[in-house]
């Protein structure tokens, strides 16, 4: 099912302009730093497309050099408790079953995996809105993106025009080649 979802996303977004140049070894340091595996379809999508943004709106990052230092920069979850002191219905990673950020958008919304299940391919997607709203949905990373395209089971606080009819993936070419390493969360 995940392969079909990735295939459909490729049909919707077009072939990657810059291949993500993904290698399984790039994820090793990230998963060691986190102490858990990441969902296969998430890694496959980013290995294909590389760091960038879905239709210039939802920003994603992934390892480029596979170092521990890079993993710490990409996955450091500090500060979430301070940002959402009373509003989050879930704890944040590294608490077991906590939220693990995988993206953000231009409106200040944050996208998370809810790491409750032992199999990361069964994790739910949670979106935290800038104004303290929360949205939780079942399904994989690619399922979530496809439902956003289909305008079904998506957060009501997302930009209603996203994704657009002619959506594309906007890769960071310098990040895809590994020549620049700027944190995706730096806005």
C-alpha atoms as a PDB file:
ATOM      1  CA  UNK A   1       0.000   0.000   0.000  1.00  0.00           C
ATOM      2  CA  UNK A   2       2.778   2.459   0.857  1.00  0.00           C
ATOM      3  CA  UNK A   3       4.394   1.880  -2.549  1.00  0.00           C
ATOM      4  CA  UNK A   4       1.092   2.697  -4.253  1.00  0.00           C
ATOM      5  CA  UNK A   5       0.785   5.847  -2.158  1.00  0.00           C
ATOM      6  CA  UNK A   6       4.278   6.957  -3.126  1.00  0.00           C
ATOM      7  CA  UNK A   7       3.527   6.207  -6.786  1.00  0.00           C
ATOM      8  CA  UNK A   8       0.357   8.315  -6.653  1.00  0.00           C
ATOM      9  CA  UNK A   9       2.209  11.182  -4.947  1.00  0.00           C
ATOM     10  CA  UNK A  10       4.774  11.043  -7.741  1.00  0.00           C
ATOM     11  CA  UNK A  11       1.936  11.294 -10.270  1.00  0.00           C
ATOM     12  CA  UNK A  12       0.512  14.319  -8.424  1.00  0.00           C
ATOM     13  CA  UNK A  13       3.800  16.101  -7.722  1.00  0.00           C
ATOM     14  CA  UNK A  14       5.678  15.079 -10.843  1.00  0.00           C
ATOM     15  CA  UNK A  15       9.018  13.391 -11.069  1.00  0.00           C
ATOM     16  CA  UNK A  16      11.594  14.826  -8.679  1.00  0.00           C
ATOM     17  CA  UNK A  17      13.500  17.720 -10.210  1.00  0.00           C
ATOM     18  CA  UNK A  18      16.503  16.819  -8.096  1.00  0.00           C
ATOM     19  CA  UNK A  19      16.720  13.256  -6.937  1.00  0.00           C
ATOM     20  CA  UNK A  20      17.006  12.949  -3.194  1.00  0.00           C
ATOM     21  CA  UNK A  21      20.017  10.670  -3.572  1.00  0.00           C
ATOM     22  CA  UNK A  22      18.801   8.709  -0.607  1.00  0.00           C
ATOM     23  CA  UNK A  23      20.802   5.905   0.877  1.00  0.00           C
ATOM     24  CA  UNK A  24      19.669   3.677   3.701  1.00  0.00           C
ATOM     25  CA  UNK A  25      22.863   4.489   5.608  1.00  0.00           C
ATOM     26  CA  UNK A  26      21.846   8.167   5.833  1.00  0.00           C
ATOM     27  CA  UNK A  27      19.000   7.256   8.191  1.00  0.00           C
ATOM     28  CA  UNK A  28      21.150   5.144  10.566  1.00  0.00           C
ATOM     29  CA  UNK A  29      22.423   8.057  12.687  1.00  0.00           C
ATOM     30  CA  UNK A  30      18.950   9.623  12.845  1.00  0.00           C
ATOM     31  CA  UNK A  31      17.313   6.421  14.002  1.00  0.00           C
ATOM     32  CA  UNK A  32      20.106   5.764  16.509  1.00  0.00           C
ATOM     33  CA  UNK A  33      19.757   9.316  17.863  1.00  0.00           C
ATOM     34  CA  UNK A  34      15.979   8.913  18.178  1.00  0.00           C
ATOM     35  CA  UNK A  35      16.184   5.385  19.568  1.00  0.00           C
ATOM     36  CA  UNK A  36      13.536   4.193  17.108  1.00  0.00           C
ATOM     37  CA  UNK A  37      12.993   3.455  13.445  1.00  0.00           C
ATOM     38  CA  UNK A  38      11.149   5.938  11.238  1.00  0.00           C
ATOM     39  CA  UNK A  39       8.239   5.064   8.925  1.00  0.00           C
ATOM     40  CA  UNK A  40       9.361   3.416   5.683  1.00  0.00           C
ATOM     41  CA  UNK A  41       7.143   5.528   3.402  1.00  0.00           C
ATOM     42  CA  UNK A  42       8.411   8.764   4.976  1.00  0.00           C
ATOM     43  CA  UNK A  43      12.014   7.725   4.347  1.00  0.00           C
ATOM     44  CA  UNK A  44      11.191   6.524   0.819  1.00  0.00           C
ATOM     45  CA  UNK A  45       9.492   9.823  -0.050  1.00  0.00           C
ATOM     46  CA  UNK A  46      12.441  11.885   1.191  1.00  0.00           C
ATOM     47  CA  UNK A  47      14.965   9.541  -0.390  1.00  0.00           C
ATOM     48  CA  UNK A  48      13.187  10.144  -3.691  1.00  0.00           C
ATOM     49  CA  UNK A  49      12.515  13.884  -3.444  1.00  0.00           C
ATOM     50  CA  UNK A  50      15.115  15.093  -0.960  1.00  0.00           C
ATOM     51  CA  UNK A  51      14.664  18.046   1.401  1.00  0.00           C
ATOM     52  CA  UNK A  52      12.144  20.640   0.268  1.00  0.00           C
ATOM     53  CA  UNK A  53       8.474  21.558   0.398  1.00  0.00           C
ATOM     54  CA  UNK A  54       5.259  19.967  -0.831  1.00  0.00           C
ATOM     55  CA  UNK A  55       3.781  22.645  -3.107  1.00  0.00           C
ATOM     56  CA  UNK A  56       5.964  25.224  -1.366  1.00  0.00           C
ATOM     57  CA  UNK A  57       3.914  24.855   1.840  1.00  0.00           C
ATOM     58  CA  UNK A  58       4.825  21.829   4.001  1.00  0.00           C
ATOM     59  CA  UNK A  59       8.576  21.822   4.576  1.00  0.00           C
ATOM     60  CA  UNK A  60      10.460  18.561   5.044  1.00  0.00           C
ATOM     61  CA  UNK A  61      14.069  17.732   5.800  1.00  0.00           C
ATOM     62  CA  UNK A  62      16.150  14.585   5.860  1.00  0.00           C
ATOM     63  CA  UNK A  63      19.730  13.522   6.529  1.00  0.00           C
ATOM     64  CA  UNK A  64      22.365  14.516   3.989  1.00  0.00           C
ATOM     65  CA  UNK A  65      25.612  13.314   5.549  1.00  0.00           C
ATOM     66  CA  UNK A  66      24.319  10.776   8.095  1.00  0.00           C
ATOM     67  CA  UNK A  67      26.382  12.123  10.997  1.00  0.00           C
ATOM     68  CA  UNK A  68      25.377  12.179  14.661  1.00  0.00           C
ATOM     69  CA  UNK A  69      25.697  15.975  14.672  1.00  0.00           C
ATOM     70  CA  UNK A  70      23.269  16.247  11.772  1.00  0.00           C
ATOM     71  CA  UNK A  71      20.828  13.871  13.488  1.00  0.00           C
ATOM     72  CA  UNK A  72      20.949  16.011  16.614  1.00  0.00           C
ATOM     73  CA  UNK A  73      20.209  19.137  14.560  1.00  0.00           C
ATOM     74  CA  UNK A  74      17.393  17.506  12.576  1.00  0.00           C
ATOM     75  CA  UNK A  75      15.676  15.675  15.410  1.00  0.00           C
ATOM     76  CA  UNK A  76      16.292  17.716  18.541  1.00  0.00           C
ATOM     77  CA  UNK A  77      12.832  17.945  20.082  1.00  0.00           C
ATOM     78  CA  UNK A  78      13.696  20.373  22.861  1.00  0.00           C
ATOM     79  CA  UNK A  79      11.380  23.275  23.401  1.00  0.00           C
ATOM     80  CA  UNK A  80       8.106  21.626  22.386  1.00  0.00           C
ATOM     81  CA  UNK A  81       6.917  21.349  25.962  1.00  0.00           C
ATOM     82  CA  UNK A  82       7.573  25.080  26.375  1.00  0.00           C
ATOM     83  CA  UNK A  83       5.800  25.898  23.109  1.00  0.00           C
ATOM     84  CA  UNK A  84       2.715  23.834  23.993  1.00  0.00           C
ATOM     85  CA  UNK A  85       2.815  23.737  27.825  1.00  0.00           C
ATOM     86  CA  UNK A  86      -0.846  22.951  28.432  1.00  0.00           C
ATOM     87  CA  UNK A  87      -2.362  22.445  25.021  1.00  0.00           C
ATOM     88  CA  UNK A  88      -0.782  19.222  23.764  1.00  0.00           C
ATOM     89  CA  UNK A  89      -2.839  16.130  24.493  1.00  0.00           C
ATOM     90  CA  UNK A  90       0.318  14.017  23.971  1.00  0.00           C
ATOM     91  CA  UNK A  91       3.831  14.062  25.358  1.00  0.00           C
ATOM     92  CA  UNK A  92       6.753  14.837  23.066  1.00  0.00           C
ATOM     93  CA  UNK A  93       9.585  12.534  22.051  1.00  0.00           C
ATOM     94  CA  UNK A  94      11.769  11.261  23.724  1.00  0.00           C
ATOM     95  CA  UNK A  95       8.913  10.331  26.059  1.00  0.00           C
ATOM     96  CA  UNK A  96       7.704   6.883  24.971  1.00  0.00           C
ATOM     97  CA  UNK A  97       4.727   7.270  22.639  1.00  0.00           C
ATOM     98  CA  UNK A  98       5.500  10.959  22.191  1.00  0.00           C
ATOM     99  CA  UNK A  99       5.146  13.281  19.242  1.00  0.00           C
ATOM    100  CA  UNK A 100       8.059  13.410  16.809  1.00  0.00           C
ATOM    101  CA  UNK A 101       8.170  16.392  14.445  1.00  0.00           C
ATOM    102  CA  UNK A 102       8.653  15.634  10.751  1.00  0.00           C
ATOM    103  CA  UNK A 103       7.658  18.922   9.122  1.00  0.00           C
ATOM    104  CA  UNK A 104       6.231  22.411   9.436  1.00  0.00           C
ATOM    105  CA  UNK A 105       4.436  24.858   7.181  1.00  0.00           C
ATOM    106  CA  UNK A 106       4.473  28.539   6.370  1.00  0.00           C
ATOM    107  CA  UNK A 107       1.503  29.200   8.690  1.00  0.00           C
ATOM    108  CA  UNK A 108       3.358  27.949  11.759  1.00  0.00           C
ATOM    109  CA  UNK A 109       1.678  24.527  11.914  1.00  0.00           C
ATOM    110  CA  UNK A 110       3.870  21.581  12.967  1.00  0.00           C
ATOM    111  CA  UNK A 111       3.533  18.022  11.672  1.00  0.00           C
ATOM    112  CA  UNK A 112       4.303  15.062  13.896  1.00  0.00           C
ATOM    113  CA  UNK A 113       4.315  11.297  14.047  1.00  0.00           C
ATOM    114  CA  UNK A 114       2.529   9.937  17.118  1.00  0.00           C
ATOM    115  CA  UNK A 115       4.965   7.154  18.000  1.00  0.00           C
ATOM    116  CA  UNK A 116       2.612   4.940  20.035  1.00  0.00           C
ATOM    117  CA  UNK A 117       2.835   1.680  18.097  1.00  0.00           C
ATOM    118  CA  UNK A 118       5.973  -0.461  18.023  1.00  0.00           C
ATOM    119  CA  UNK A 119       5.827  -0.579  14.204  1.00  0.00           C
ATOM    120  CA  UNK A 120       6.550   2.932  12.857  1.00  0.00           C
ATOM    121  CA  UNK A 121       4.496   2.148   9.756  1.00  0.00           C
ATOM    122  CA  UNK A 122       1.451   2.125  12.049  1.00  0.00           C
ATOM    123  CA  UNK A 123       2.089   5.553  13.576  1.00  0.00           C
ATOM    124  CA  UNK A 124      -0.600   8.182  13.300  1.00  0.00           C
ATOM    125  CA  UNK A 125      -0.052  11.710  11.978  1.00  0.00           C
ATOM    126  CA  UNK A 126      -0.767  14.686  14.247  1.00  0.00           C
ATOM    127  CA  UNK A 127      -0.783  18.327  13.187  1.00  0.00           C
ATOM    128  CA  UNK A 128      -0.412  21.066  15.780  1.00  0.00           C
ATOM    129  CA  UNK A 129      -1.839  24.415  14.762  1.00  0.00           C
ATOM    130  CA  UNK A 130      -0.214  27.729  15.536  1.00  0.00           C
ATOM    131  CA  UNK A 131      -3.265  28.752  17.608  1.00  0.00           C
ATOM    132  CA  UNK A 132      -3.191  25.585  19.736  1.00  0.00           C
ATOM    133  CA  UNK A 133      -5.482  23.383  17.627  1.00  0.00           C
ATOM    134  CA  UNK A 134      -4.686  19.705  17.253  1.00  0.00           C
ATOM    135  CA  UNK A 135      -5.616  17.234  14.528  1.00  0.00           C
ATOM    136  CA  UNK A 136      -4.948  13.489  14.642  1.00  0.00           C
ATOM    137  CA  UNK A 137      -5.503  11.011  11.842  1.00  0.00           C
ATOM    138  CA  UNK A 138      -4.732   7.366  11.115  1.00  0.00           C
ATOM    139  CA  UNK A 139      -2.684   6.236   8.164  1.00  0.00           C
ATOM    140  CA  UNK A 140       0.830   6.594   6.907  1.00  0.00           C
ATOM    141  CA  UNK A 141       2.779   9.695   5.958  1.00  0.00           C
ATOM    142  CA  UNK A 142       1.893   9.201   2.283  1.00  0.00           C
ATOM    143  CA  UNK A 143      -1.762   8.482   3.167  1.00  0.00           C
ATOM    144  CA  UNK A 144      -1.883  11.813   4.999  1.00  0.00           C
ATOM    145  CA  UNK A 145      -0.420  13.755   2.074  1.00  0.00           C
ATOM    146  CA  UNK A 146      -2.795  12.052  -0.364  1.00  0.00           C
ATOM    147  CA  UNK A 147      -5.805  12.884   1.820  1.00  0.00           C
ATOM    148  CA  UNK A 148      -4.658  16.508   1.821  1.00  0.00           C
ATOM    149  CA  UNK A 149      -4.660  16.409  -1.991  1.00  0.00           C
ATOM    150  CA  UNK A 150      -8.099  14.766  -1.963  1.00  0.00           C
ATOM    151  CA  UNK A 151      -9.389  17.299   0.615  1.00  0.00           C
ATOM    152  CA  UNK A 152     -10.492  14.431   2.876  1.00  0.00           C
ATOM    153  CA  UNK A 153      -9.664  13.953   6.585  1.00  0.00           C
ATOM    154  CA  UNK A 154      -7.270  16.883   6.764  1.00  0.00           C
ATOM    155  CA  UNK A 155      -6.797  19.542   9.419  1.00  0.00           C
ATOM    156  CA  UNK A 156      -9.449  22.244   9.063  1.00  0.00           C
ATOM    157  CA  UNK A 157      -6.911  24.912   9.986  1.00  0.00           C
ATOM    158  CA  UNK A 158      -4.616  24.253   6.998  1.00  0.00           C
ATOM    159  CA  UNK A 159      -4.560  26.732   4.145  1.00  0.00           C
ATOM    160  CA  UNK A 160      -7.702  25.773   2.165  1.00  0.00           C
ATOM    161  CA  UNK A 161      -5.848  26.330  -1.108  1.00  0.00           C
ATOM    162  CA  UNK A 162      -3.134  23.811  -0.283  1.00  0.00           C
ATOM    163  CA  UNK A 163      -2.176  21.787  -2.140  1.00  0.00           C
ATOM    164  CA  UNK A 164      -2.882  23.579  -5.400  1.00  0.00           C
ATOM    165  CA  UNK A 165      -4.177  21.971  -8.574  1.00  0.00           C
ATOM    166  CA  UNK A 166      -0.726  22.013 -10.148  1.00  0.00           C
ATOM    167  CA  UNK A 167       1.214  21.181  -7.000  1.00  0.00           C
ATOM    168  CA  UNK A 168       4.890  20.371  -7.302  1.00  0.00           C
ATOM    169  CA  UNK A 169       7.619  19.438  -4.877  1.00  0.00           C
ATOM    170  CA  UNK A 170      10.060  22.295  -4.403  1.00  0.00           C
ATOM    171  CA  UNK A 171      13.384  20.655  -3.650  1.00  0.00           C
ATOM    172  CA  UNK A 172      16.315  22.455  -2.170  1.00  0.00           C
ATOM    173  CA  UNK A 173      18.872  21.567  -4.832  1.00  0.00           C
ATOM    174  CA  UNK A 174      21.825  22.564  -2.670  1.00  0.00           C
ATOM    175  CA  UNK A 175      20.470  20.363   0.144  1.00  0.00           C
ATOM    176  CA  UNK A 176      19.802  17.457  -2.187  1.00  0.00           C
ATOM    177  CA  UNK A 177      23.461  17.415  -3.173  1.00  0.00           C
ATOM    178  CA  UNK A 178      24.606  17.898   0.396  1.00  0.00           C
ATOM    179  CA  UNK A 179      26.502  21.134  -0.204  1.00  0.00           C
ATOM    180  CA  UNK A 180      24.394  23.213   2.204  1.00  0.00           C
ATOM    181  CA  UNK A 181      23.060  22.128   5.582  1.00  0.00           C
ATOM    182  CA  UNK A 182      20.568  24.639   6.866  1.00  0.00           C
ATOM    183  CA  UNK A 183      17.953  23.448   9.375  1.00  0.00           C
ATOM    184  CA  UNK A 184      14.550  23.128   7.677  1.00  0.00           C
ATOM    185  CA  UNK A 185      12.922  24.612  10.761  1.00  0.00           C
ATOM    186  CA  UNK A 186      14.826  27.870  10.310  1.00  0.00           C
ATOM    187  CA  UNK A 187      12.245  30.174   8.863  1.00  0.00           C
END
